[in-house]
Protein backbone atom coordinates (compact mmCIF):
# COMPACT_ATOMS: atom_id res chain seq x y z
CA MET A 1 106.79 122.04 88.64
CA SER A 2 104.95 121.72 91.94
CA LEU A 3 103.32 118.35 92.49
CA LYS A 4 100.91 118.44 95.41
CA LYS A 5 100.14 114.78 96.03
CA VAL A 6 102.18 111.62 96.45
CA ILE A 7 100.35 108.44 95.48
CA ILE A 8 101.58 105.46 97.53
CA THR A 9 100.72 102.18 95.81
CA ARG A 10 102.26 99.74 98.27
CA PRO A 11 100.17 97.18 100.16
CA LEU A 12 98.09 98.94 102.81
CA ALA A 13 100.24 98.36 105.91
CA GLN A 14 103.45 99.42 104.17
CA ALA A 15 101.70 102.38 102.53
CA LEU A 16 100.53 103.71 105.89
CA GLU A 17 104.03 103.27 107.32
CA PHE A 18 105.58 105.22 104.44
CA ALA A 19 102.95 107.97 104.70
CA GLU A 20 104.10 108.56 108.29
CA LYS A 21 107.68 108.97 107.10
CA MET A 22 106.50 111.58 104.59
CA ARG A 23 105.16 113.94 107.26
CA PRO A 24 108.28 116.16 107.35
CA LEU A 25 107.89 116.81 103.61
CA ASN A 26 104.54 118.55 104.14
CA ALA A 27 103.16 116.74 101.11
CA GLU A 28 99.74 115.13 100.84
CA ALA A 29 99.94 111.33 100.80
CA ILE A 30 97.24 109.36 98.98
CA ILE A 31 97.01 105.68 99.89
CA PHE A 32 96.17 103.75 96.71
CA PRO A 33 97.25 100.10 97.14
CA LEU A 34 97.80 98.10 93.97
CA ILE A 35 98.59 94.85 95.77
CA ASP A 36 96.67 93.18 98.60
CA ILE A 37 98.45 90.89 101.06
CA HIS A 38 96.55 87.99 102.64
CA ALA A 39 97.55 85.66 105.47
CA LEU A 40 97.33 81.96 104.70
CA ASP A 41 94.19 80.18 105.86
CA ASP A 42 96.27 77.10 106.65
CA GLN A 43 99.57 77.90 108.36
CA THR A 44 100.52 74.30 109.17
CA GLU A 45 103.49 74.22 106.78
CA LEU A 46 104.73 77.63 107.97
CA GLN A 47 104.66 76.48 111.60
CA GLN A 48 106.46 73.24 110.68
CA LYS A 49 109.26 75.10 108.91
CA ILE A 50 109.72 77.35 111.95
CA CYS A 51 110.11 74.27 114.14
CA GLU A 52 112.84 73.05 111.76
CA LEU A 53 114.79 76.34 111.53
CA SER A 54 117.89 74.98 113.22
CA GLN A 55 118.20 72.39 110.44
CA TYR A 56 118.77 75.03 107.74
CA SER A 57 122.02 76.65 106.69
CA LEU A 58 120.36 79.74 105.19
CA VAL A 59 116.94 81.37 105.15
CA VAL A 60 116.11 83.68 102.24
CA PHE A 61 113.28 86.19 102.57
CA ILE A 62 112.11 87.35 99.15
CA SER A 63 110.33 90.47 100.42
CA PRO A 64 109.39 92.49 103.52
CA ASN A 65 105.95 90.87 103.32
CA ALA A 66 107.57 87.45 103.65
CA ILE A 67 109.31 88.63 106.82
CA ASP A 68 106.14 90.13 108.23
CA ALA A 69 104.25 86.88 107.61
CA PHE A 70 106.95 84.60 109.00
CA MET A 71 108.68 86.33 111.88
CA PRO A 72 105.73 86.88 114.27
CA HIS A 73 105.62 83.10 114.69
CA VAL A 74 109.32 82.78 115.56
CA GLY A 75 110.31 82.79 119.22
CA VAL A 76 114.11 83.14 119.16
CA TRP A 77 116.05 83.26 115.90
CA PRO A 78 118.87 80.64 115.84
CA SER A 79 122.02 82.68 116.41
CA GLN A 80 124.11 80.84 113.80
CA LEU A 81 121.49 80.88 111.04
CA PRO A 82 122.28 83.44 108.28
CA ILE A 83 119.52 85.44 106.62
CA ALA A 84 119.55 86.61 103.01
CA VAL A 85 117.36 89.50 101.80
CA MET A 86 117.08 91.63 98.68
CA GLY A 87 117.15 95.22 99.93
CA GLU A 88 116.76 97.89 102.57
CA GLY A 89 113.03 97.35 102.95
CA SER A 90 113.62 93.79 104.08
CA LYS A 91 116.42 94.86 106.42
CA ARG A 92 114.03 97.34 107.99
CA ALA A 93 111.38 94.62 108.35
CA LEU A 94 113.89 92.36 110.09
CA GLY A 95 114.77 95.20 112.42
CA LYS A 96 111.20 95.27 113.71
CA PHE A 97 111.86 91.79 115.08
CA GLY A 98 115.23 92.64 116.61
CA LEU A 99 117.32 91.23 113.77
CA THR A 100 120.05 93.62 112.61
CA ASN A 101 123.65 93.31 111.49
CA LEU A 102 124.56 93.43 115.18
CA THR A 103 122.35 90.51 116.19
CA ALA A 104 122.37 88.28 113.09
CA LYS A 105 124.31 87.58 109.93
CA ILE A 106 122.30 89.36 107.21
CA ILE A 107 123.39 89.01 103.59
CA SER A 108 122.15 91.46 100.95
CA PRO A 109 123.23 92.78 97.53
CA ALA A 110 126.13 95.23 97.51
CA ASN A 111 124.59 97.36 94.74
CA GLU A 112 121.74 99.40 96.25
CA LEU A 113 120.54 100.46 92.80
CA LYS A 114 119.91 96.88 91.74
CA THR A 115 118.60 94.59 94.45
CA ASP A 116 117.24 91.35 93.06
CA SER A 117 117.92 87.63 92.81
CA GLU A 118 120.88 88.13 90.49
CA THR A 119 122.70 90.61 92.74
CA LEU A 120 121.91 88.58 95.86
CA LEU A 121 123.44 85.51 94.26
CA GLU A 122 126.61 87.52 93.61
CA VAL A 123 127.25 87.84 97.36
CA LEU A 124 126.18 84.34 98.40
CA ASP A 125 128.83 81.67 98.86
CA LEU A 126 127.14 79.10 96.65
CA ALA A 127 129.88 76.50 97.05
CA SER A 128 129.37 76.42 100.81
CA LEU A 129 125.65 75.71 100.33
CA ALA A 130 126.16 72.47 98.40
CA ASP A 131 124.22 69.66 100.11
CA LYS A 132 122.91 72.19 102.70
CA ARG A 133 119.26 72.96 103.37
CA VAL A 134 118.08 76.42 102.28
CA LEU A 135 114.62 77.78 103.07
CA VAL A 136 113.18 80.39 100.68
CA VAL A 137 110.24 82.28 102.18
CA ARG A 138 108.04 84.09 99.67
CA GLY A 139 104.51 84.84 98.52
CA ASP A 140 102.39 82.59 96.33
CA SER A 141 103.98 83.80 93.10
CA GLY A 142 107.29 85.08 91.83
CA ARG A 143 110.41 84.29 89.87
CA GLU A 144 112.05 80.88 90.23
CA PHE A 145 115.52 82.11 89.23
CA LEU A 146 116.95 82.27 92.75
CA SER A 147 115.75 78.86 93.88
CA ASP A 148 116.70 77.26 90.56
CA THR A 149 120.25 78.67 90.77
CA LEU A 150 120.65 77.53 94.37
CA GLN A 151 119.52 74.04 93.40
CA LYS A 152 121.95 73.95 90.48
CA ALA A 153 124.70 74.81 92.98
CA GLY A 154 123.73 71.73 94.96
CA ALA A 155 121.66 73.32 97.71
CA LYS A 156 118.61 71.46 99.02
CA VAL A 157 116.07 74.22 98.52
CA GLN A 158 112.64 74.25 100.10
CA LEU A 159 110.12 76.90 99.07
CA LEU A 160 107.66 78.18 101.65
CA THR A 161 104.63 80.22 100.69
CA ALA A 162 104.03 82.50 103.68
CA TYR A 163 101.30 84.76 102.28
CA ARG A 164 99.10 85.36 99.25
CA ARG A 165 99.15 88.37 96.92
CA SER A 166 96.33 89.62 94.77
CA ALA A 167 95.32 92.73 92.84
CA PRO A 168 92.56 94.70 94.58
CA ASP A 169 89.16 94.88 92.92
CA LEU A 170 88.69 97.89 90.67
CA ASN A 171 85.33 98.95 92.11
CA CYS A 172 83.39 102.10 91.29
CA ARG A 173 84.99 104.10 94.09
CA LYS A 174 88.51 103.26 92.92
CA GLN A 175 87.60 104.04 89.31
CA GLU A 176 86.39 107.47 90.41
CA GLN A 177 89.50 108.02 92.52
CA LEU A 178 91.82 106.99 89.67
CA THR A 179 90.00 109.22 87.22
CA SER A 180 90.33 112.13 89.64
CA LEU A 181 94.05 111.49 90.20
CA LEU A 182 94.72 111.46 86.46
CA ALA A 183 93.16 114.90 86.10
CA SER A 184 96.31 116.47 87.58
CA GLU A 185 100.03 115.72 87.79
CA HIS A 186 101.21 113.86 90.86
CA VAL A 187 104.10 111.71 92.05
CA TRP A 188 103.45 107.95 92.10
CA ILE A 189 105.60 105.59 94.18
CA ILE A 190 105.70 102.21 92.44
CA THR A 191 107.57 99.45 94.24
CA SER A 192 106.93 96.44 92.00
CA SER A 193 106.43 95.64 88.33
CA GLU A 194 103.33 93.69 89.36
CA ALA A 195 101.80 96.85 90.83
CA LEU A 196 102.67 98.81 87.69
CA ARG A 197 100.99 96.24 85.46
CA THR A 198 97.88 96.35 87.66
CA LEU A 199 97.83 100.14 87.49
CA MET A 200 98.06 100.27 83.70
CA GLY A 201 95.43 97.55 83.42
CA TRP A 202 93.10 99.68 85.52
CA VAL A 203 93.83 102.80 83.47
CA GLU A 204 93.06 100.93 80.26
CA ARG A 205 89.72 99.84 81.72
CA LEU A 206 88.71 103.49 82.07
CA ASN A 207 87.93 103.27 78.32
CA SER A 208 89.81 106.32 77.17
CA ASN A 209 93.16 106.56 75.42
CA ASP A 210 93.45 110.00 76.96
CA PHE A 211 93.74 108.42 80.41
CA VAL A 212 96.57 106.14 79.25
CA ALA A 213 98.50 109.14 77.94
CA LYS A 214 97.87 111.05 81.17
CA MET A 215 99.20 108.13 83.21
CA GLN A 216 102.29 107.86 81.04
CA HIS A 217 103.05 111.53 81.79
CA GLN A 218 102.80 111.16 85.56
CA VAL A 219 106.03 111.22 87.56
CA ILE A 220 106.83 107.78 88.99
CA ILE A 221 109.52 106.94 91.53
CA VAL A 222 110.77 103.35 91.46
CA PRO A 223 113.38 101.70 93.69
CA HIS A 224 114.52 99.05 91.24
CA ALA A 225 115.97 99.00 87.74
CA ARG A 226 113.63 96.21 86.64
CA ILE A 227 110.58 98.33 87.51
CA ALA A 228 112.10 101.25 85.60
CA GLU A 229 112.58 99.01 82.57
CA THR A 230 108.96 97.85 82.80
CA ALA A 231 107.81 101.48 83.01
CA GLN A 232 109.87 102.40 79.95
CA ARG A 233 108.27 99.59 77.95
CA MET A 234 104.85 100.88 79.03
CA GLY A 235 105.62 104.33 77.68
CA PHE A 236 106.22 106.30 80.88
CA HIS A 237 108.09 109.55 80.30
CA PHE A 238 109.13 110.69 83.80
CA ILE A 239 110.80 107.86 85.71
CA THR A 240 113.01 108.47 88.76
CA LEU A 241 115.11 105.45 89.75
CA THR A 242 116.35 105.38 93.35
CA ALA A 243 118.37 103.00 95.47
CA SER A 244 116.36 100.55 97.56
CA GLY A 245 114.97 101.66 100.90
CA ASP A 246 112.57 104.33 102.09
CA GLU A 247 115.28 106.90 102.77
CA SER A 248 116.32 106.90 99.12
CA VAL A 249 112.71 107.29 97.98
CA LEU A 250 112.18 110.16 100.45
CA VAL A 251 115.25 111.95 99.14
CA ALA A 252 113.94 111.64 95.59
CA LEU A 253 110.55 112.94 96.67
CA GLN A 254 112.07 116.17 97.96
CA SER A 255 112.73 117.36 94.41
CA HIS A 256 109.12 116.73 93.33
CA VAL A 257 106.89 118.06 96.13
């Protein structure tokens, strides 16, 4: 089956970046963000936490967006301060600011097929964080499991909201675009359960059960087992699960375009 278009549903900046990486595939990329990222109006707390970086024993970035919101304000990263991230996307985001395994201690899950709070906790030395300050940088929503577990281990956790997330408005233009996309079979790249829920909510608003069935028969590529599980519950039939990171997604795309 030849699928002509690849629908990239990441936030706009990351979608454009991935579209550039797709060029060698000679496939048509359609930018269709399902999550909008907003800078904070008041960045006082963010700036204060940056001034206090040397007082922390670990900084955890929940997502690449957290890194992109936080790191431009940092002058020099404290050399002895470890960084914990979930997956390859966050490692790549750190690399844009000169932070790699060669220049900083970066901790991430060992299992590339399952990169989340649970697998990150498996590689963290929780005992060593007892009574130590840990900064968790994230958006304005998300799971509390990681911070709760760190606190139970005795860490002094501080949560920092570095950006806001929201679903885009489903305006007339996007309704028309979505209707058009569902008329044919394409490959959809879905990188969060939140985005998938937004997508299905939009499809349901098109007021036709036929559109829901068409969406469920689209090919979706997901880089996380939790997203795949969400897709299965929503009735998707063609789910490709990859390891985290753009390279893994690009490899999976090669068999679909």
